[in-house]
Amino acid sequence: NMRCQVAEAPLPARVLDIKSASPEGI
């Protein structure tokens, strides 16, 4: 229950998708 806890939040306008892409790419 502390300030350090951040669950899911609104994503910024752009982010790097690092999971769905291949290990060699984003």
PDB file of all heavy atoms in Angstrom:
ATOM      1  N   ASN A   1       0.819  -1.217   0.000  1.00  0.00           N
ATOM      2  CA  ASN A   1       0.000   0.000   0.000  1.00  0.00           C
ATOM      3  C   ASN A   1       0.854   1.269   0.000  1.00  0.00           C
ATOM      4  O   ASN A   1       0.455   2.293   0.535  1.00  0.00           O
ATOM      5  CB  ASN A   1      -0.930   0.019   1.219  1.00  0.00           C
ATOM      6  CG  ASN A   1      -1.960  -1.101   1.179  1.00  0.00           C
ATOM      7  OD1 ASN A   1      -2.680  -1.229   0.194  1.00  0.00           O
ATOM      8  ND2 ASN A   1      -2.013  -1.904   2.222  1.00  0.00           N
ATOM      9  N   MET A   2       2.017   1.189  -0.588  1.00  0.00           N
ATOM     10  CA  MET A   2       2.950   2.297  -0.544  1.00  0.00           C
ATOM     11  C   MET A   2       2.952   3.065  -1.864  1.00  0.00           C
ATOM     12  O   MET A   2       2.425   2.620  -2.878  1.00  0.00           O
ATOM     13  CB  MET A   2       4.362   1.784  -0.241  1.00  0.00           C
ATOM     14  CG  MET A   2       4.462   0.963   1.043  1.00  0.00           C
ATOM     15  SD  MET A   2       4.086   1.907   2.533  1.00  0.00           S
ATOM     16  CE  MET A   2       5.565   2.912   2.609  1.00  0.00           C
ATOM     17  N   ARG A   3       3.605   4.226  -1.844  1.00  0.00           N
ATOM     18  CA  ARG A   3       3.716   5.075  -3.019  1.00  0.00           C
ATOM     19  C   ARG A   3       4.468   4.375  -4.152  1.00  0.00           C
ATOM     20  O   ARG A   3       4.257   4.668  -5.327  1.00  0.00           O
ATOM     21  CB  ARG A   3       4.442   6.368  -2.632  1.00  0.00           C
ATOM     22  CG  ARG A   3       4.697   7.319  -3.787  1.00  0.00           C
ATOM     23  CD  ARG A   3       5.401   8.577  -3.284  1.00  0.00           C
ATOM     24  NE  ARG A   3       5.709   9.487  -4.372  1.00  0.00           N
ATOM     25  CZ  ARG A   3       6.851   9.465  -5.065  1.00  0.00           C
ATOM     26  NH1 ARG A   3       7.775   8.584  -4.752  1.00  0.00           N
ATOM     27  NH2 ARG A   3       7.067  10.323  -6.033  1.00  0.00           N
ATOM     28  N   CYS A   4       5.329   3.424  -3.798  1.00  0.00           N
ATOM     29  CA  CYS A   4       6.145   2.776  -4.819  1.00  0.00           C
ATOM     30  C   CYS A   4       5.350   1.804  -5.676  1.00  0.00           C
ATOM     31  O   CYS A   4       5.860   1.320  -6.691  1.00  0.00           O
ATOM     32  CB  CYS A   4       7.314   2.055  -4.168  1.00  0.00           C
ATOM     33  SG  CYS A   4       6.822   0.831  -2.943  1.00  0.00           S
ATOM     34  N   GLN A   5       4.127   1.490  -5.292  1.00  0.00           N
ATOM     35  CA  GLN A   5       3.346   0.511  -6.039  1.00  0.00           C
ATOM     36  C   GLN A   5       2.656   1.158  -7.245  1.00  0.00           C
ATOM     37  O   GLN A   5       1.841   2.055  -7.096  1.00  0.00           O
ATOM     38  CB  GLN A   5       2.296  -0.127  -5.133  1.00  0.00           C
ATOM     39  CG  GLN A   5       2.878  -1.070  -4.088  1.00  0.00           C
ATOM     40  CD  GLN A   5       3.578  -2.245  -4.742  1.00  0.00           C
ATOM     41  OE1 GLN A   5       3.025  -2.925  -5.588  1.00  0.00           O
ATOM     42  NE2 GLN A   5       4.812  -2.484  -4.345  1.00  0.00           N
ATOM     43  N   VAL A   6       3.013   0.707  -8.414  1.00  0.00           N
ATOM     44  CA  VAL A   6       2.368   1.160  -9.640  1.00  0.00           C
ATOM     45  C   VAL A   6       1.903  -0.081 -10.390  1.00  0.00           C
ATOM     46  O   VAL A   6       2.715  -0.880 -10.847  1.00  0.00           O
ATOM     47  CB  VAL A   6       3.313   1.983 -10.529  1.00  0.00           C
ATOM     48  CG1 VAL A   6       2.607   2.366 -11.822  1.00  0.00           C
ATOM     49  CG2 VAL A   6       3.782   3.226  -9.790  1.00  0.00           C
ATOM     50  N   ALA A   7       0.608  -0.256 -10.468  1.00  0.00           N
ATOM     51  CA  ALA A   7       0.054  -1.371 -11.233  1.00  0.00           C
ATOM     52  C   ALA A   7      -0.036  -0.926 -12.696  1.00  0.00           C
ATOM     53  O   ALA A   7       0.793  -0.181 -13.181  1.00  0.00           O
ATOM     54  CB  ALA A   7      -1.304  -1.769 -10.670  1.00  0.00           C
ATOM     55  N   GLU A   8      -1.029  -1.343 -13.383  1.00  0.00           N
ATOM     56  CA  GLU A   8      -1.198  -0.896 -14.762  1.00  0.00           C
ATOM     57  C   GLU A   8      -1.647   0.558 -14.792  1.00  0.00           C
ATOM     58  O   GLU A   8      -2.442   0.987 -13.965  1.00  0.00           O
ATOM     59  CB  GLU A   8      -2.204  -1.780 -15.487  1.00  0.00           C
ATOM     60  CG  GLU A   8      -1.711  -3.205 -15.715  1.00  0.00           C
ATOM     61  CD  GLU A   8      -2.625  -3.976 -16.624  1.00  0.00           C
ATOM     62  OE1 GLU A   8      -3.772  -3.542 -16.806  1.00  0.00           O
ATOM     63  OE2 GLU A   8      -2.188  -5.010 -17.162  1.00  0.00           O
ATOM     64  N   ALA A   9      -1.110   1.305 -15.723  1.00  0.00           N
ATOM     65  CA  ALA A   9      -1.401   2.726 -15.855  1.00  0.00           C
ATOM     66  C   ALA A   9      -1.583   3.046 -17.332  1.00  0.00           C
ATOM     67  O   ALA A   9      -1.217   2.246 -18.202  1.00  0.00           O
ATOM     68  CB  ALA A   9      -0.261   3.552 -15.253  1.00  0.00           C
ATOM     69  N   PRO A  10      -2.163   4.212 -17.644  1.00  0.00           N
ATOM     70  CA  PRO A  10      -2.300   4.571 -19.061  1.00  0.00           C
ATOM     71  C   PRO A  10      -0.942   4.605 -19.757  1.00  0.00           C
ATOM     72  O   PRO A  10       0.006   5.212 -19.251  1.00  0.00           O
ATOM     73  CB  PRO A  10      -2.929   5.970 -19.008  1.00  0.00           C
ATOM     74  CG  PRO A  10      -3.583   6.054 -17.670  1.00  0.00           C
ATOM     75  CD  PRO A  10      -2.740   5.241 -16.744  1.00  0.00           C
ATOM     76  N   LEU A  11      -0.838   3.946 -20.887  1.00  0.00           N
ATOM     77  CA  LEU A  11       0.409   3.959 -21.627  1.00  0.00           C
ATOM     78  C   LEU A  11       0.656   5.336 -22.235  1.00  0.00           C
ATOM     79  O   LEU A  11      -0.297   6.041 -22.598  1.00  0.00           O
ATOM     80  CB  LEU A  11       0.376   2.914 -22.744  1.00  0.00           C
ATOM     81  CG  LEU A  11       0.341   1.443 -22.328  1.00  0.00           C
ATOM     82  CD1 LEU A  11       0.248   0.563 -23.568  1.00  0.00           C
ATOM     83  CD2 LEU A  11       1.573   1.073 -21.507  1.00  0.00           C
ATOM     84  N   PRO A  12       1.906   5.757 -22.353  1.00  0.00           N
ATOM     85  CA  PRO A  12       2.204   6.990 -23.085  1.00  0.00           C
ATOM     86  C   PRO A  12       1.731   6.893 -24.529  1.00  0.00           C
ATOM     87  O   PRO A  12       1.343   5.815 -25.005  1.00  0.00           O
ATOM     88  CB  PRO A  12       3.731   7.084 -22.994  1.00  0.00           C
ATOM     89  CG  PRO A  12       4.109   6.263 -21.806  1.00  0.00           C
ATOM     90  CD  PRO A  12       3.099   5.141 -21.767  1.00  0.00           C
ATOM     91  N   ALA A  13       1.767   8.004 -25.226  1.00  0.00           N
ATOM     92  CA  ALA A  13       1.288   8.031 -26.618  1.00  0.00           C
ATOM     93  C   ALA A  13       2.028   7.011 -27.476  1.00  0.00           C
ATOM     94  O   ALA A  13       1.440   6.364 -28.339  1.00  0.00           O
ATOM     95  CB  ALA A  13       1.445   9.431 -27.197  1.00  0.00           C
ATOM     96  N   ARG A  14       3.322   6.851 -27.233  1.00  0.00           N
ATOM     97  CA  ARG A  14       4.113   5.836 -27.939  1.00  0.00           C
ATOM     98  C   ARG A  14       4.994   5.109 -26.935  1.00  0.00           C
ATOM     99  O   ARG A  14       5.525   5.714 -26.004  1.00  0.00           O
ATOM    100  CB  ARG A  14       5.008   6.466 -29.021  1.00  0.00           C
ATOM    101  CG  ARG A  14       4.261   7.176 -30.126  1.00  0.00           C
ATOM    102  CD  ARG A  14       5.232   7.622 -31.228  1.00  0.00           C
ATOM    103  NE  ARG A  14       4.584   8.574 -32.127  1.00  0.00           N
ATOM    104  CZ  ARG A  14       4.627   9.890 -31.961  1.00  0.00           C
ATOM    105  NH1 ARG A  14       5.318  10.400 -30.956  1.00  0.00           N
ATOM    106  NH2 ARG A  14       4.004  10.689 -32.787  1.00  0.00           N
ATOM    107  N   VAL A  15       5.157   3.836 -27.140  1.00  0.00           N
ATOM    108  CA  VAL A  15       6.066   3.019 -26.349  1.00  0.00           C
ATOM    109  C   VAL A  15       6.740   2.031 -27.285  1.00  0.00           C
ATOM    110  O   VAL A  15       6.285   1.812 -28.414  1.00  0.00           O
ATOM    111  CB  VAL A  15       5.335   2.252 -25.214  1.00  0.00           C
ATOM    112  CG1 VAL A  15       4.914   3.186 -24.100  1.00  0.00           C
ATOM    113  CG2 VAL A  15       4.138   1.479 -25.769  1.00  0.00           C
ATOM    114  N   LEU A  16       7.805   1.433 -26.817  1.00  0.00           N
ATOM    115  CA  LEU A  16       8.453   0.363 -27.562  1.00  0.00           C
ATOM    116  C   LEU A  16       7.850  -0.958 -27.127  1.00  0.00           C
ATOM    117  O   LEU A  16       7.851  -1.289 -25.940  1.00  0.00           O
ATOM    118  CB  LEU A  16       9.957   0.363 -27.305  1.00  0.00           C
ATOM    119  CG  LEU A  16      10.712   1.615 -27.745  1.00  0.00           C
ATOM    120  CD1 LEU A  16      12.160   1.546 -27.264  1.00  0.00           C
ATOM    121  CD2 LEU A  16      10.654   1.780 -29.257  1.00  0.00           C
ATOM    122  N   ASP A  17       7.320  -1.692 -28.067  1.00  0.00           N
ATOM    123  CA  ASP A  17       6.789  -3.021 -27.799  1.00  0.00           C
ATOM    124  C   ASP A  17       7.969  -3.980 -27.832  1.00  0.00           C
ATOM    125  O   ASP A  17       8.537  -4.257 -28.886  1.00  0.00           O
ATOM    126  CB  ASP A  17       5.754  -3.391 -28.859  1.00  0.00           C
ATOM    127  CG  ASP A  17       5.129  -4.757 -28.628  1.00  0.00           C
ATOM    128  OD1 ASP A  17       5.635  -5.504 -27.769  1.00  0.00           O
ATOM    129  OD2 ASP A  17       4.142  -5.082 -29.304  1.00  0.00           O
ATOM    130  N   ILE A  18       8.367  -4.478 -26.665  1.00  0.00           N
ATOM    131  CA  ILE A  18       9.561  -5.307 -26.584  1.00  0.00           C
ATOM    132  C   ILE A  18       9.231  -6.774 -26.345  1.00  0.00           C
ATOM    133  O   ILE A  18      10.132  -7.607 -26.234  1.00  0.00           O
ATOM    134  CB  ILE A  18      10.510  -4.811 -25.478  1.00  0.00           C
ATOM    135  CG1 ILE A  18       9.836  -4.906 -24.105  1.00  0.00           C
ATOM    136  CG2 ILE A  18      10.954  -3.390 -25.761  1.00  0.00           C
ATOM    137  CD1 ILE A  18      10.759  -4.554 -22.947  1.00  0.00           C
ATOM    138  N   LYS A  19       7.949  -7.118 -26.261  1.00  0.00           N
ATOM    139  CA  LYS A  19       7.572  -8.492 -25.962  1.00  0.00           C
ATOM    140  C   LYS A  19       7.007  -9.233 -27.170  1.00  0.00           C
ATOM    141  O   LYS A  19       7.374 -10.362 -27.433  1.00  0.00           O
ATOM    142  CB  LYS A  19       6.549  -8.526 -24.811  1.00  0.00           C
ATOM    143  CG  LYS A  19       7.171  -8.430 -23.441  1.00  0.00           C
ATOM    144  CD  LYS A  19       7.986  -9.681 -23.126  1.00  0.00           C
ATOM    145  CE  LYS A  19       8.484  -9.663 -21.693  1.00  0.00           C
ATOM    146  NZ  LYS A  19       9.307 -10.852 -21.371  1.00  0.00           N
ATOM    147  N   SER A  20       6.095  -8.586 -27.889  1.00  0.00           N
ATOM    148  CA  SER A  20       5.437  -9.293 -28.984  1.00  0.00           C
ATOM    149  C   SER A  20       6.333  -9.416 -30.206  1.00  0.00           C
ATOM    150  O   SER A  20       6.127 -10.275 -31.048  1.00  0.00           O
ATOM    151  CB  SER A  20       4.135  -8.580 -29.365  1.00  0.00           C
ATOM    152  OG  SER A  20       4.389  -7.261 -29.808  1.00  0.00           O
ATOM    153  N   ALA A  21       7.332  -8.533 -30.307  1.00  0.00           N
ATOM    154  CA  ALA A  21       8.270  -8.617 -31.422  1.00  0.00           C
ATOM    155  C   ALA A  21       9.259  -9.759 -31.179  1.00  0.00           C
ATOM    156  O   ALA A  21       9.299 -10.353 -30.108  1.00  0.00           O
ATOM    157  CB  ALA A  21       9.015  -7.286 -31.583  1.00  0.00           C
ATOM    158  N   SER A  22      10.061 -10.064 -32.195  1.00  0.00           N
ATOM    159  CA  SER A  22      11.045 -11.133 -32.060  1.00  0.00           C
ATOM    160  C   SER A  22      12.146 -10.712 -31.096  1.00  0.00           C
ATOM    161  O   SER A  22      12.325  -9.517 -30.838  1.00  0.00           O
ATOM    162  CB  SER A  22      11.656 -11.451 -33.430  1.00  0.00           C
ATOM    163  OG  SER A  22      12.445 -10.356 -33.876  1.00  0.00           O
ATOM    164  N   PRO A  23      12.917 -11.675 -30.549  1.00  0.00           N
ATOM    165  CA  PRO A  23      14.013 -11.311 -29.641  1.00  0.00           C
ATOM    166  C   PRO A  23      15.023 -10.362 -30.275  1.00  0.00           C
ATOM    167  O   PRO A  23      15.681  -9.598 -29.575  1.00  0.00           O
ATOM    168  CB  PRO A  23      14.655 -12.668 -29.306  1.00  0.00           C
ATOM    169  CG  PRO A  23      13.567 -13.669 -29.516  1.00  0.00           C
ATOM    170  CD  PRO A  23      12.752 -13.128 -30.660  1.00  0.00           C
ATOM    171  N   GLU A  24      15.153 -10.412 -31.602  1.00  0.00           N
ATOM    172  CA  GLU A  24      16.113  -9.550 -32.284  1.00  0.00           C
ATOM    173  C   GLU A  24      15.527  -8.198 -32.637  1.00  0.00           C
ATOM    174  O   GLU A  24      16.245  -7.312 -33.089  1.00  0.00           O
ATOM    175  CB  GLU A  24      16.611 -10.219 -33.573  1.00  0.00           C
ATOM    176  CG  GLU A  24      17.401 -11.498 -33.365  1.00  0.00           C
ATOM    177  CD  GLU A  24      16.509 -12.691 -33.063  1.00  0.00           C
ATOM    178  OE1 GLU A  24      15.319 -12.633 -33.413  1.00  0.00           O
ATOM    179  OE2 GLU A  24      17.012 -13.657 -32.461  1.00  0.00           O
ATOM    180  N   GLY A  25      14.221  -8.024 -32.455  1.00  0.00           N
ATOM    181  CA  GLY A  25      13.610  -6.787 -32.890  1.00  0.00           C
ATOM    182  C   GLY A  25      12.563  -6.268 -31.933  1.00  0.00           C
ATOM    183  O   GLY A  25      12.072  -6.985 -31.059  1.00  0.00           O
ATOM    184  N   ILE A  26      12.250  -5.008 -32.075  1.00  0.00           N
ATOM    185  CA  ILE A  26      11.197  -4.347 -31.309  1.00  0.00           C
ATOM    186  C   ILE A  26      10.400  -3.506 -32.295  1.00  0.00           C
ATOM    187  O   ILE A  26      10.736  -3.425 -33.478  1.00  0.00           O
ATOM    188  CB  ILE A  26      11.772  -3.444 -30.197  1.00  0.00           C
ATOM    189  CG1 ILE A  26      12.687  -2.363 -30.811  1.00  0.00           C
ATOM    190  CG2 ILE A  26      12.526  -4.270 -29.166  1.00  0.00           C
ATOM    191  CD1 ILE A  26      13.192  -1.353 -29.815  1.00  0.00           C
TER     192      ILE A  26
END
